[in-house]
């Protein structure tokens, strides 16, 4: 039986009257008014994107040239496993950063922040495959991480808000990576790795700047409950880093690095990144003082200096004294040129 024309007409009108699905594009992204400070930060974020394009380096070529120049990897057998274990953290940390920066590039709405995050995606992809190739040349690519290290990376990778992901990656994990790069490069443990890390450090400094410049806009207007949740999460992630340090302690010591060196330099870099954020916001963040005191307390409790008493009561007293007399970090974080 052939449908009646009138019935077809009514059906067609109903279909046409159905609401159209919303376009999943931020078509109003250019209509948002900005303060002078936000406009200044936006210009710097856009600059990060163009710097990333201009300073991109060819990972395959750079690693091949370094291996040829130094006649391969020059590392004593007794240090191979320590380097492999520590840079397994960097390898899989770079993949986590790649995933997070890709999520940021998708979710961040201001054009300039989206551009800066997109540039970071390219950097993290390059870091991941170059570190993979270096570890492969060293002997084998690690396929496992300790549970505490996995906890640190997943804490940011699986964070439930984009603010936590940005803060965790740019102001907590990236400074730790810079700390390891700095120590290994300064000690010149292995010439190929030492020169390779210079390229990594140049990129990572720009990544920290993304968090410093864009977080103020994301923190503005945050409700008290949201801010409290963010700060609790941040403190929890800082505690997780100490468990990771304990897990990696044997590998640091195998390379002649005392964990306190890592903690001191990492604290300094994280504090300076947070101070740069405070300068952008214009107000102090209470979590910074908590972080400073907690770090000094845990350093004495978990990693006493050589020659100091190692019994728990002595370490506890030293930790409490350090927390009460905590001093601000000094030094200068590498600026984005």
C-alpha atoms as a PDB file:
ATOM      1  CA  UNK A   1       0.000   0.000   0.000  1.00  0.00           C
ATOM      2  CA  UNK A   2       1.419   3.385  -1.011  1.00  0.00           C
ATOM      3  CA  UNK A   3       1.602   6.010   1.838  1.00  0.00           C
ATOM      4  CA  UNK A   4      -0.664   8.988   1.444  1.00  0.00           C
ATOM      5  CA  UNK A   5       1.014  12.280   0.384  1.00  0.00           C
ATOM      6  CA  UNK A   6      -0.529  14.134   3.360  1.00  0.00           C
ATOM      7  CA  UNK A   7       0.962  11.623   5.834  1.00  0.00           C
ATOM      8  CA  UNK A   8       4.395  11.974   4.211  1.00  0.00           C
ATOM      9  CA  UNK A   9       4.106  15.756   4.445  1.00  0.00           C
ATOM     10  CA  UNK A  10       3.302  15.674   8.195  1.00  0.00           C
ATOM     11  CA  UNK A  11       6.194  13.270   8.844  1.00  0.00           C
ATOM     12  CA  UNK A  12       8.617  15.480   6.926  1.00  0.00           C
ATOM     13  CA  UNK A  13       7.524  18.582   8.885  1.00  0.00           C
ATOM     14  CA  UNK A  14       8.081  16.784  12.212  1.00  0.00           C
ATOM     15  CA  UNK A  15      11.596  15.795  11.156  1.00  0.00           C
ATOM     16  CA  UNK A  16      12.445  19.324  10.105  1.00  0.00           C
ATOM     17  CA  UNK A  17      11.115  20.756  13.387  1.00  0.00           C
ATOM     18  CA  UNK A  18      13.364  18.549  15.521  1.00  0.00           C
ATOM     19  CA  UNK A  19      16.003  20.565  17.394  1.00  0.00           C
ATOM     20  CA  UNK A  20      19.375  20.438  15.753  1.00  0.00           C
ATOM     21  CA  UNK A  21      22.235  19.065  17.830  1.00  0.00           C
ATOM     22  CA  UNK A  22      24.589  21.663  19.268  1.00  0.00           C
ATOM     23  CA  UNK A  23      27.778  22.224  17.292  1.00  0.00           C
ATOM     24  CA  UNK A  24      30.649  20.861  19.461  1.00  0.00           C
ATOM     25  CA  UNK A  25      32.819  23.876  18.693  1.00  0.00           C
ATOM     26  CA  UNK A  26      33.440  26.947  20.897  1.00  0.00           C
ATOM     27  CA  UNK A  27      32.069  29.408  18.360  1.00  0.00           C
ATOM     28  CA  UNK A  28      32.010  32.166  21.001  1.00  0.00           C
ATOM     29  CA  UNK A  29      35.679  31.764  21.997  1.00  0.00           C
ATOM     30  CA  UNK A  30      36.623  35.151  20.532  1.00  0.00           C
ATOM     31  CA  UNK A  31      33.776  37.070  22.191  1.00  0.00           C
ATOM     32  CA  UNK A  32      35.119  36.735  25.753  1.00  0.00           C
ATOM     33  CA  UNK A  33      36.377  40.013  27.209  1.00  0.00           C
ATOM     34  CA  UNK A  34      39.835  39.990  28.763  1.00  0.00           C
ATOM     35  CA  UNK A  35      41.543  42.018  31.420  1.00  0.00           C
ATOM     36  CA  UNK A  36      44.889  43.607  30.611  1.00  0.00           C
ATOM     37  CA  UNK A  37      46.646  40.889  32.623  1.00  0.00           C
ATOM     38  CA  UNK A  38      44.815  38.114  30.770  1.00  0.00           C
ATOM     39  CA  UNK A  39      45.651  39.703  27.420  1.00  0.00           C
ATOM     40  CA  UNK A  40      49.324  39.881  28.401  1.00  0.00           C
ATOM     41  CA  UNK A  41      49.324  36.204  29.436  1.00  0.00           C
ATOM     42  CA  UNK A  42      47.590  35.288  26.166  1.00  0.00           C
ATOM     43  CA  UNK A  43      50.322  36.946  24.116  1.00  0.00           C
ATOM     44  CA  UNK A  44      52.971  34.983  26.033  1.00  0.00           C
ATOM     45  CA  UNK A  45      51.067  31.729  25.538  1.00  0.00           C
ATOM     46  CA  UNK A  46      50.857  32.328  21.807  1.00  0.00           C
ATOM     47  CA  UNK A  47      54.583  32.998  21.808  1.00  0.00           C
ATOM     48  CA  UNK A  48      55.146  29.578  23.412  1.00  0.00           C
ATOM     49  CA  UNK A  49      53.481  27.923  20.443  1.00  0.00           C
ATOM     50  CA  UNK A  50      55.654  29.728  17.885  1.00  0.00           C
ATOM     51  CA  UNK A  51      58.791  29.076  19.947  1.00  0.00           C
ATOM     52  CA  UNK A  52      57.922  25.389  19.980  1.00  0.00           C
ATOM     53  CA  UNK A  53      57.589  25.398  16.200  1.00  0.00           C
ATOM     54  CA  UNK A  54      60.834  27.307  15.692  1.00  0.00           C
ATOM     55  CA  UNK A  55      62.906  25.329  18.186  1.00  0.00           C
ATOM     56  CA  UNK A  56      61.644  21.851  17.339  1.00  0.00           C
ATOM     57  CA  UNK A  57      64.561  19.445  16.961  1.00  0.00           C
ATOM     58  CA  UNK A  58      64.747  16.201  15.030  1.00  0.00           C
ATOM     59  CA  UNK A  59      64.993  13.521  17.679  1.00  0.00           C
ATOM     60  CA  UNK A  60      66.187  10.686  15.441  1.00  0.00           C
ATOM     61  CA  UNK A  61      68.922  12.825  13.929  1.00  0.00           C
ATOM     62  CA  UNK A  62      70.099  14.294  17.239  1.00  0.00           C
ATOM     63  CA  UNK A  63      70.363  10.919  18.981  1.00  0.00           C
ATOM     64  CA  UNK A  64      72.119   9.294  16.000  1.00  0.00           C
ATOM     65  CA  UNK A  65      74.651  12.143  15.829  1.00  0.00           C
ATOM     66  CA  UNK A  66      75.377  11.923  19.587  1.00  0.00           C
ATOM     67  CA  UNK A  67      75.806   8.140  19.486  1.00  0.00           C
ATOM     68  CA  UNK A  68      78.218   8.442  16.570  1.00  0.00           C
ATOM     69  CA  UNK A  69      80.206  11.279  18.115  1.00  0.00           C
ATOM     70  CA  UNK A  70      80.694   9.495  21.449  1.00  0.00           C
ATOM     71  CA  UNK A  71      81.124   6.006  20.010  1.00  0.00           C
ATOM     72  CA  UNK A  72      77.908   4.728  21.557  1.00  0.00           C
ATOM     73  CA  UNK A  73      76.732   4.819  25.161  1.00  0.00           C
ATOM     74  CA  UNK A  74      79.636   5.100  27.612  1.00  0.00           C
ATOM     75  CA  UNK A  75      78.392   3.819  30.966  1.00  0.00           C
ATOM     76  CA  UNK A  76      79.965   1.404  33.513  1.00  0.00           C
ATOM     77  CA  UNK A  77      78.103  -1.887  33.760  1.00  0.00           C
ATOM     78  CA  UNK A  78      77.292  -1.332  37.442  1.00  0.00           C
ATOM     79  CA  UNK A  79      75.400   1.884  36.592  1.00  0.00           C
ATOM     80  CA  UNK A  80      73.388   0.630  33.623  1.00  0.00           C
ATOM     81  CA  UNK A  81      70.481  -0.723  35.684  1.00  0.00           C
ATOM     82  CA  UNK A  82      70.248   2.473  37.770  1.00  0.00           C
ATOM     83  CA  UNK A  83      70.087   4.700  34.670  1.00  0.00           C
ATOM     84  CA  UNK A  84      67.612   2.318  33.069  1.00  0.00           C
ATOM     85  CA  UNK A  85      65.356   2.375  36.163  1.00  0.00           C
ATOM     86  CA  UNK A  86      65.456   6.153  36.637  1.00  0.00           C
ATOM     87  CA  UNK A  87      64.871   6.935  32.986  1.00  0.00           C
ATOM     88  CA  UNK A  88      62.060   4.417  32.804  1.00  0.00           C
ATOM     89  CA  UNK A  89      60.281   7.005  34.961  1.00  0.00           C
ATOM     90  CA  UNK A  90      61.090   9.649  32.353  1.00  0.00           C
ATOM     91  CA  UNK A  91      60.031   7.404  29.455  1.00  0.00           C
ATOM     92  CA  UNK A  92      56.594   6.580  30.842  1.00  0.00           C
ATOM     93  CA  UNK A  93      56.280  10.030  32.373  1.00  0.00           C
ATOM     94  CA  UNK A  94      56.704  11.489  28.882  1.00  0.00           C
ATOM     95  CA  UNK A  95      53.879   9.277  27.621  1.00  0.00           C
ATOM     96  CA  UNK A  96      51.690  10.455  30.517  1.00  0.00           C
ATOM     97  CA  UNK A  97      52.589  14.065  29.683  1.00  0.00           C
ATOM     98  CA  UNK A  98      51.794  13.400  26.013  1.00  0.00           C
ATOM     99  CA  UNK A  99      48.331  12.138  26.971  1.00  0.00           C
ATOM    100  CA  UNK A 100      47.687  15.011  29.386  1.00  0.00           C
ATOM    101  CA  UNK A 101      48.865  17.729  27.001  1.00  0.00           C
ATOM    102  CA  UNK A 102      46.656  16.230  24.266  1.00  0.00           C
ATOM    103  CA  UNK A 103      43.700  16.436  26.661  1.00  0.00           C
ATOM    104  CA  UNK A 104      44.628  20.054  27.464  1.00  0.00           C
ATOM    105  CA  UNK A 105      44.870  20.935  23.776  1.00  0.00           C
ATOM    106  CA  UNK A 106      41.360  19.546  23.351  1.00  0.00           C
ATOM    107  CA  UNK A 107      39.737  21.014  26.466  1.00  0.00           C
ATOM    108  CA  UNK A 108      41.384  24.403  26.938  1.00  0.00           C
ATOM    109  CA  UNK A 109      39.186  26.967  25.250  1.00  0.00           C
ATOM    110  CA  UNK A 110      41.235  30.176  24.875  1.00  0.00           C
ATOM    111  CA  UNK A 111      43.002  30.001  21.530  1.00  0.00           C
ATOM    112  CA  UNK A 112      46.452  30.885  22.865  1.00  0.00           C
ATOM    113  CA  UNK A 113      46.372  28.294  25.671  1.00  0.00           C
ATOM    114  CA  UNK A 114      45.174  25.678  23.183  1.00  0.00           C
ATOM    115  CA  UNK A 115      48.076  26.576  20.878  1.00  0.00           C
ATOM    116  CA  UNK A 116      50.634  26.292  23.698  1.00  0.00           C
ATOM    117  CA  UNK A 117      49.236  22.893  24.748  1.00  0.00           C
ATOM    118  CA  UNK A 118      49.321  21.726  21.117  1.00  0.00           C
ATOM    119  CA  UNK A 119      53.004  22.651  20.882  1.00  0.00           C
ATOM    120  CA  UNK A 120      53.613  20.628  24.030  1.00  0.00           C
ATOM    121  CA  UNK A 121      51.935  17.573  22.481  1.00  0.00           C
ATOM    122  CA  UNK A 122      54.601  17.602  19.751  1.00  0.00           C
ATOM    123  CA  UNK A 123      57.394  18.027  22.318  1.00  0.00           C
ATOM    124  CA  UNK A 124      56.182  15.164  24.525  1.00  0.00           C
ATOM    125  CA  UNK A 125      55.800  12.843  21.532  1.00  0.00           C
ATOM    126  CA  UNK A 126      59.389  13.589  20.521  1.00  0.00           C
ATOM    127  CA  UNK A 127      60.663  13.100  24.097  1.00  0.00           C
ATOM    128  CA  UNK A 128      58.895   9.745  24.349  1.00  0.00           C
ATOM    129  CA  UNK A 129      60.269   8.209  21.166  1.00  0.00           C
ATOM    130  CA  UNK A 130      63.782   9.617  21.710  1.00  0.00           C
ATOM    131  CA  UNK A 131      63.944   8.264  25.274  1.00  0.00           C
ATOM    132  CA  UNK A 132      62.617   4.932  23.976  1.00  0.00           C
ATOM    133  CA  UNK A 133      65.398   4.804  21.382  1.00  0.00           C
ATOM    134  CA  UNK A 134      68.064   5.769  23.946  1.00  0.00           C
ATOM    135  CA  UNK A 135      66.969   3.042  26.384  1.00  0.00           C
ATOM    136  CA  UNK A 136      66.845   0.561  23.529  1.00  0.00           C
ATOM    137  CA  UNK A 137      70.455   1.463  22.698  1.00  0.00           C
ATOM    138  CA  UNK A 138      71.288   1.044  26.392  1.00  0.00           C
ATOM    139  CA  UNK A 139      70.055  -2.531  26.300  1.00  0.00           C
ATOM    140  CA  UNK A 140      66.296  -2.795  26.686  1.00  0.00           C
ATOM    141  CA  UNK A 141      63.195  -0.662  27.126  1.00  0.00           C
ATOM    142  CA  UNK A 142      61.705  -0.989  30.637  1.00  0.00           C
ATOM    143  CA  UNK A 143      58.149  -2.284  30.639  1.00  0.00           C
ATOM    144  CA  UNK A 144      57.493  -1.921  34.379  1.00  0.00           C
ATOM    145  CA  UNK A 145      57.359   0.824  36.990  1.00  0.00           C
ATOM    146  CA  UNK A 146      57.248   0.561  40.760  1.00  0.00           C
ATOM    147  CA  UNK A 147      53.818   0.989  42.372  1.00  0.00           C
ATOM    148  CA  UNK A 148      54.714   4.313  44.026  1.00  0.00           C
ATOM    149  CA  UNK A 149      55.986   5.741  40.729  1.00  0.00           C
ATOM    150  CA  UNK A 150      52.846   4.564  38.954  1.00  0.00           C
ATOM    151  CA  UNK A 151      50.802   6.283  41.671  1.00  0.00           C
ATOM    152  CA  UNK A 152      52.505   9.635  41.031  1.00  0.00           C
ATOM    153  CA  UNK A 153      51.944   9.499  37.271  1.00  0.00           C
ATOM    154  CA  UNK A 154      48.381   8.186  37.458  1.00  0.00           C
ATOM    155  CA  UNK A 155      47.483  10.780  40.098  1.00  0.00           C
ATOM    156  CA  UNK A 156      47.713  13.488  37.462  1.00  0.00           C
ATOM    157  CA  UNK A 157      46.848  11.376  34.425  1.00  0.00           C
ATOM    158  CA  UNK A 158      43.556  10.282  36.014  1.00  0.00           C
ATOM    159  CA  UNK A 159      42.738  13.570  37.793  1.00  0.00           C
ATOM    160  CA  UNK A 160      39.057  14.445  37.641  1.00  0.00           C
ATOM    161  CA  UNK A 161      39.422  18.087  36.547  1.00  0.00           C
ATOM    162  CA  UNK A 162      41.428  19.853  33.866  1.00  0.00           C
ATOM    163  CA  UNK A 163      42.787  22.263  36.516  1.00  0.00           C
ATOM    164  CA  UNK A 164      44.348  19.365  38.434  1.00  0.00           C
ATOM    165  CA  UNK A 165      45.836  17.949  35.243  1.00  0.00           C
ATOM    166  CA  UNK A 166      47.386  21.288  34.303  1.00  0.00           C
ATOM    167  CA  UNK A 167      48.702  22.013  37.793  1.00  0.00           C
ATOM    168  CA  UNK A 168      49.928  18.474  38.390  1.00  0.00           C
ATOM    169  CA  UNK A 169      51.786  18.157  35.126  1.00  0.00           C
ATOM    170  CA  UNK A 170      53.202  21.662  34.736  1.00  0.00           C
ATOM    171  CA  UNK A 171      53.994  22.615  38.330  1.00  0.00           C
ATOM    172  CA  UNK A 172      54.608  19.262  40.040  1.00  0.00           C
ATOM    173  CA  UNK A 173      55.784  16.569  37.600  1.00  0.00           C
ATOM    174  CA  UNK A 174      57.656  18.733  35.056  1.00  0.00           C
ATOM    175  CA  UNK A 175      59.857  20.334  37.776  1.00  0.00           C
ATOM    176  CA  UNK A 176      60.746  16.826  39.018  1.00  0.00           C
ATOM    177  CA  UNK A 177      61.792  15.830  35.509  1.00  0.00           C
ATOM    178  CA  UNK A 178      63.889  18.986  35.251  1.00  0.00           C
ATOM    179  CA  UNK A 179      65.512  18.065  38.572  1.00  0.00           C
ATOM    180  CA  UNK A 180      66.611  14.650  37.309  1.00  0.00           C
ATOM    181  CA  UNK A 181      67.822  16.137  34.018  1.00  0.00           C
ATOM    182  CA  UNK A 182      69.846  18.773  35.861  1.00  0.00           C
ATOM    183  CA  UNK A 183      71.522  16.323  38.263  1.00  0.00           C
ATOM    184  CA  UNK A 184      72.414  13.710  35.633  1.00  0.00           C
ATOM    185  CA  UNK A 185      73.667  16.328  33.204  1.00  0.00           C
ATOM    186  CA  UNK A 186      75.734  18.112  35.860  1.00  0.00           C
ATOM    187  CA  UNK A 187      77.366  14.855  36.976  1.00  0.00           C
ATOM    188  CA  UNK A 188      78.148  13.914  33.334  1.00  0.00           C
ATOM    189  CA  UNK A 189      77.379  10.282  34.072  1.00  0.00           C
ATOM    190  CA  UNK A 190      77.048   9.408  30.405  1.00  0.00           C
ATOM    191  CA  UNK A 191      78.014  11.803  27.570  1.00  0.00           C
ATOM    192  CA  UNK A 192      75.234  10.917  25.118  1.00  0.00           C
ATOM    193  CA  UNK A 193      72.543  11.271  27.793  1.00  0.00           C
ATOM    194  CA  UNK A 194      74.075  14.447  29.236  1.00  0.00           C
ATOM    195  CA  UNK A 195      73.963  16.218  25.865  1.00  0.00           C
ATOM    196  CA  UNK A 196      70.568  14.803  24.964  1.00  0.00           C
ATOM    197  CA  UNK A 197      69.017  16.155  28.155  1.00  0.00           C
ATOM    198  CA  UNK A 198      69.917  19.715  27.167  1.00  0.00           C
ATOM    199  CA  UNK A 199      67.294  19.442  24.409  1.00  0.00           C
ATOM    200  CA  UNK A 200      64.737  18.003  26.848  1.00  0.00           C
ATOM    201  CA  UNK A 201      65.331  20.800  29.367  1.00  0.00           C
ATOM    202  CA  UNK A 202      64.797  23.532  26.784  1.00  0.00           C
ATOM    203  CA  UNK A 203      61.393  22.098  25.931  1.00  0.00           C
ATOM    204  CA  UNK A 204      60.336  21.427  29.528  1.00  0.00           C
ATOM    205  CA  UNK A 205      60.984  25.033  30.577  1.00  0.00           C
ATOM    206  CA  UNK A 206      58.311  26.153  28.087  1.00  0.00           C
ATOM    207  CA  UNK A 207      55.883  23.571  29.466  1.00  0.00           C
ATOM    208  CA  UNK A 208      56.123  24.984  32.993  1.00  0.00           C
ATOM    209  CA  UNK A 209      55.294  28.397  31.529  1.00  0.00           C
ATOM    210  CA  UNK A 210      51.954  27.102  30.210  1.00  0.00           C
ATOM    211  CA  UNK A 211      50.817  26.297  33.740  1.00  0.00           C
ATOM    212  CA  UNK A 212      52.148  29.531  35.188  1.00  0.00           C
ATOM    213  CA  UNK A 213      50.440  31.698  32.560  1.00  0.00           C
ATOM    214  CA  UNK A 214      47.085  29.960  32.191  1.00  0.00           C
ATOM    215  CA  UNK A 215      46.311  28.632  35.678  1.00  0.00           C
ATOM    216  CA  UNK A 216      45.460  32.089  37.097  1.00  0.00           C
ATOM    217  CA  UNK A 217      42.547  32.377  34.673  1.00  0.00           C
ATOM    218  CA  UNK A 218      41.341  28.880  35.618  1.00  0.00           C
ATOM    219  CA  UNK A 219      41.659  29.508  39.368  1.00  0.00           C
ATOM    220  CA  UNK A 220      39.813  32.814  39.223  1.00  0.00           C
ATOM    221  CA  UNK A 221      36.257  32.493  40.488  1.00  0.00           C
ATOM    222  CA  UNK A 222      36.808  28.972  41.846  1.00  0.00           C
ATOM    223  CA  UNK A 223      34.367  28.210  44.665  1.00  0.00           C
ATOM    224  CA  UNK A 224      35.682  27.536  48.182  1.00  0.00           C
ATOM    225  CA  UNK A 225      34.770  23.860  47.990  1.00  0.00           C
ATOM    226  CA  UNK A 226      36.540  23.475  44.635  1.00  0.00           C
ATOM    227  CA  UNK A 227      39.650  25.276  45.914  1.00  0.00           C
ATOM    228  CA  UNK A 228      39.746  23.097  49.042  1.00  0.00           C
ATOM    229  CA  UNK A 229      39.424  19.941  46.924  1.00  0.00           C
ATOM    230  CA  UNK A 230      42.258  21.133  44.681  1.00  0.00           C
ATOM    231  CA  UNK A 231      44.579  21.872  47.618  1.00  0.00           C
ATOM    232  CA  UNK A 232      43.861  18.535  49.327  1.00  0.00           C
ATOM    233  CA  UNK A 233      44.587  16.739  46.058  1.00  0.00           C
ATOM    234  CA  UNK A 234      47.808  18.717  45.638  1.00  0.00           C
ATOM    235  CA  UNK A 235      49.094  17.849  49.128  1.00  0.00           C
ATOM    236  CA  UNK A 236      48.210  14.189  48.559  1.00  0.00           C
ATOM    237  CA  UNK A 237      50.231  14.215  45.327  1.00  0.00           C
ATOM    238  CA  UNK A 238      53.209  15.779  47.109  1.00  0.00           C
ATOM    239  CA  UNK A 239      53.137  12.955  49.680  1.00  0.00           C
ATOM    240  CA  UNK A 240      53.040  10.417  46.846  1.00  0.00           C
ATOM    241  CA  UNK A 241      56.259  11.888  45.470  1.00  0.00           C
ATOM    242  CA  UNK A 242      58.080  10.978  48.698  1.00  0.00           C
ATOM    243  CA  UNK A 243      56.963   7.367  48.383  1.00  0.00           C
ATOM    244  CA  UNK A 244      58.302   7.411  44.827  1.00  0.00           C
ATOM    245  CA  UNK A 245      61.623   8.824  46.054  1.00  0.00           C
ATOM    246  CA  UNK A 246      61.892   5.992  48.589  1.00  0.00           C
ATOM    247  CA  UNK A 247      61.247   3.503  45.806  1.00  0.00           C
ATOM    248  CA  UNK A 248      63.943   5.038  43.589  1.00  0.00           C
ATOM    249  CA  UNK A 249      66.480   5.625  46.387  1.00  0.00           C
ATOM    250  CA  UNK A 250      68.702   2.576  45.581  1.00  0.00           C
ATOM    251  CA  UNK A 251      69.083   3.735  41.976  1.00  0.00           C
ATOM    252  CA  UNK A 252      70.005   7.285  42.963  1.00  0.00           C
ATOM    253  CA  UNK A 253      72.613   5.989  45.410  1.00  0.00           C
ATOM    254  CA  UNK A 254      74.051   3.657  42.756  1.00  0.00           C
ATOM    255  CA  UNK A 255      74.814   6.776  40.706  1.00  0.00           C
ATOM    256  CA  UNK A 256      76.315   8.624  43.651  1.00  0.00           C
ATOM    257  CA  UNK A 257      73.282  10.866  44.131  1.00  0.00           C
ATOM    258  CA  UNK A 258      71.934  11.315  47.673  1.00  0.00           C
ATOM    259  CA  UNK A 259      68.126  11.510  47.714  1.00  0.00           C
ATOM    260  CA  UNK A 260      68.394  14.775  49.653  1.00  0.00           C
ATOM    261  CA  UNK A 261      70.017  16.350  46.591  1.00  0.00           C
ATOM    262  CA  UNK A 262      67.007  15.374  44.522  1.00  0.00           C
ATOM    263  CA  UNK A 263      64.563  16.583  47.163  1.00  0.00           C
ATOM    264  CA  UNK A 264      66.342  19.912  47.661  1.00  0.00           C
ATOM    265  CA  UNK A 265      66.597  20.724  43.960  1.00  0.00           C
ATOM    266  CA  UNK A 266      63.098  19.417  43.222  1.00  0.00           C
ATOM    267  CA  UNK A 267      61.684  21.490  46.089  1.00  0.00           C
ATOM    268  CA  UNK A 268      63.463  24.545  44.755  1.00  0.00           C
ATOM    269  CA  UNK A 269      62.138  24.116  41.233  1.00  0.00           C
ATOM    270  CA  UNK A 270      58.596  23.400  42.388  1.00  0.00           C
ATOM    271  CA  UNK A 271      58.650  26.363  44.784  1.00  0.00           C
ATOM    272  CA  UNK A 272      59.923  28.699  42.098  1.00  0.00           C
ATOM    273  CA  UNK A 273      57.272  27.510  39.654  1.00  0.00           C
ATOM    274  CA  UNK A 274      54.626  28.115  42.331  1.00  0.00           C
ATOM    275  CA  UNK A 275      56.096  31.545  43.080  1.00  0.00           C
ATOM    276  CA  UNK A 276      55.852  32.450  39.405  1.00  0.00           C
ATOM    277  CA  UNK A 277      52.190  31.405  39.540  1.00  0.00           C
ATOM    278  CA  UNK A 278      51.628  33.549  42.655  1.00  0.00           C
ATOM    279  CA  UNK A 279      53.195  36.523  40.887  1.00  0.00           C
ATOM    280  CA  UNK A 280      50.756  36.046  37.999  1.00  0.00           C
ATOM    281  CA  UNK A 281      47.748  35.720  40.317  1.00  0.00           C
ATOM    282  CA  UNK A 282      48.773  38.523  42.635  1.00  0.00           C
ATOM    283  CA  UNK A 283      47.822  36.717  45.877  1.00  0.00           C
ATOM    284  CA  UNK A 284      49.504  34.091  48.038  1.00  0.00           C
ATOM    285  CA  UNK A 285      48.366  30.473  47.861  1.00  0.00           C
ATOM    286  CA  UNK A 286      48.164  28.779  51.290  1.00  0.00           C
ATOM    287  CA  UNK A 287      49.197  25.437  49.829  1.00  0.00           C
ATOM    288  CA  UNK A 288      52.674  26.804  49.086  1.00  0.00           C
ATOM    289  CA  UNK A 289      53.550  27.266  52.753  1.00  0.00           C
ATOM    290  CA  UNK A 290      52.133  23.834  53.559  1.00  0.00           C
ATOM    291  CA  UNK A 291      54.212  22.280  50.777  1.00  0.00           C
ATOM    292  CA  UNK A 292      57.384  23.952  52.028  1.00  0.00           C
ATOM    293  CA  UNK A 293      56.960  22.714  55.584  1.00  0.00           C
ATOM    294  CA  UNK A 294      55.774  19.232  54.604  1.00  0.00           C
ATOM    295  CA  UNK A 295      58.751  18.818  52.266  1.00  0.00           C
ATOM    296  CA  UNK A 296      61.260  19.805  54.943  1.00  0.00           C
ATOM    297  CA  UNK A 297      59.579  17.526  57.476  1.00  0.00           C
ATOM    298  CA  UNK A 298      59.503  14.490  55.181  1.00  0.00           C
ATOM    299  CA  UNK A 299      63.083  15.043  54.007  1.00  0.00           C
ATOM    300  CA  UNK A 300      64.382  14.744  57.583  1.00  0.00           C
ATOM    301  CA  UNK A 301      62.041  11.882  58.443  1.00  0.00           C
ATOM    302  CA  UNK A 302      62.639   9.724  55.366  1.00  0.00           C
ATOM    303  CA  UNK A 303      66.137  10.708  54.191  1.00  0.00           C
ATOM    304  CA  UNK A 304      68.371  11.881  57.077  1.00  0.00           C
ATOM    305  CA  UNK A 305      71.732  13.346  56.192  1.00  0.00           C
ATOM    306  CA  UNK A 306      74.814  11.130  56.431  1.00  0.00           C
ATOM    307  CA  UNK A 307      76.030  10.897  60.035  1.00  0.00           C
ATOM    308  CA  UNK A 308      72.676  11.902  61.531  1.00  0.00           C
ATOM    309  CA  UNK A 309      70.790   9.530  63.897  1.00  0.00           C
ATOM    310  CA  UNK A 310      68.519   7.159  61.999  1.00  0.00           C
ATOM    311  CA  UNK A 311      66.235   6.014  64.823  1.00  0.00           C
ATOM    312  CA  UNK A 312      62.631   7.147  64.432  1.00  0.00           C
ATOM    313  CA  UNK A 313      62.407   9.508  67.467  1.00  0.00           C
ATOM    314  CA  UNK A 314      65.529  11.400  66.321  1.00  0.00           C
ATOM    315  CA  UNK A 315      64.272  11.656  62.732  1.00  0.00           C
ATOM    316  CA  UNK A 316      60.866  12.816  63.970  1.00  0.00           C
ATOM    317  CA  UNK A 317      62.410  15.552  66.140  1.00  0.00           C
ATOM    318  CA  UNK A 318      64.606  16.684  63.240  1.00  0.00           C
ATOM    319  CA  UNK A 319      61.606  16.719  60.913  1.00  0.00           C
ATOM    320  CA  UNK A 320      59.494  18.821  63.270  1.00  0.00           C
ATOM    321  CA  UNK A 321      62.356  21.267  63.787  1.00  0.00           C
ATOM    322  CA  UNK A 322      62.856  21.583  60.015  1.00  0.00           C
ATOM    323  CA  UNK A 323      59.137  22.197  59.467  1.00  0.00           C
ATOM    324  CA  UNK A 324      59.040  24.906  62.123  1.00  0.00           C
ATOM    325  CA  UNK A 325      62.064  26.702  60.668  1.00  0.00           C
ATOM    326  CA  UNK A 326      61.355  26.097  56.997  1.00  0.00           C
ATOM    327  CA  UNK A 327      63.174  28.513  54.712  1.00  0.00           C
ATOM    328  CA  UNK A 328      62.048  29.668  51.306  1.00  0.00           C
ATOM    329  CA  UNK A 329      63.783  28.209  48.279  1.00  0.00           C
ATOM    330  CA  UNK A 330      66.320  30.352  46.510  1.00  0.00           C
ATOM    331  CA  UNK A 331      67.480  30.356  42.958  1.00  0.00           C
ATOM    332  CA  UNK A 332      66.105  31.115  39.549  1.00  0.00           C
ATOM    333  CA  UNK A 333      64.044  28.816  37.362  1.00  0.00           C
ATOM    334  CA  UNK A 334      65.094  28.858  33.740  1.00  0.00           C
ATOM    335  CA  UNK A 335      63.127  31.551  31.996  1.00  0.00           C
ATOM    336  CA  UNK A 336      61.414  31.145  28.664  1.00  0.00           C
ATOM    337  CA  UNK A 337      63.542  33.162  26.267  1.00  0.00           C
END
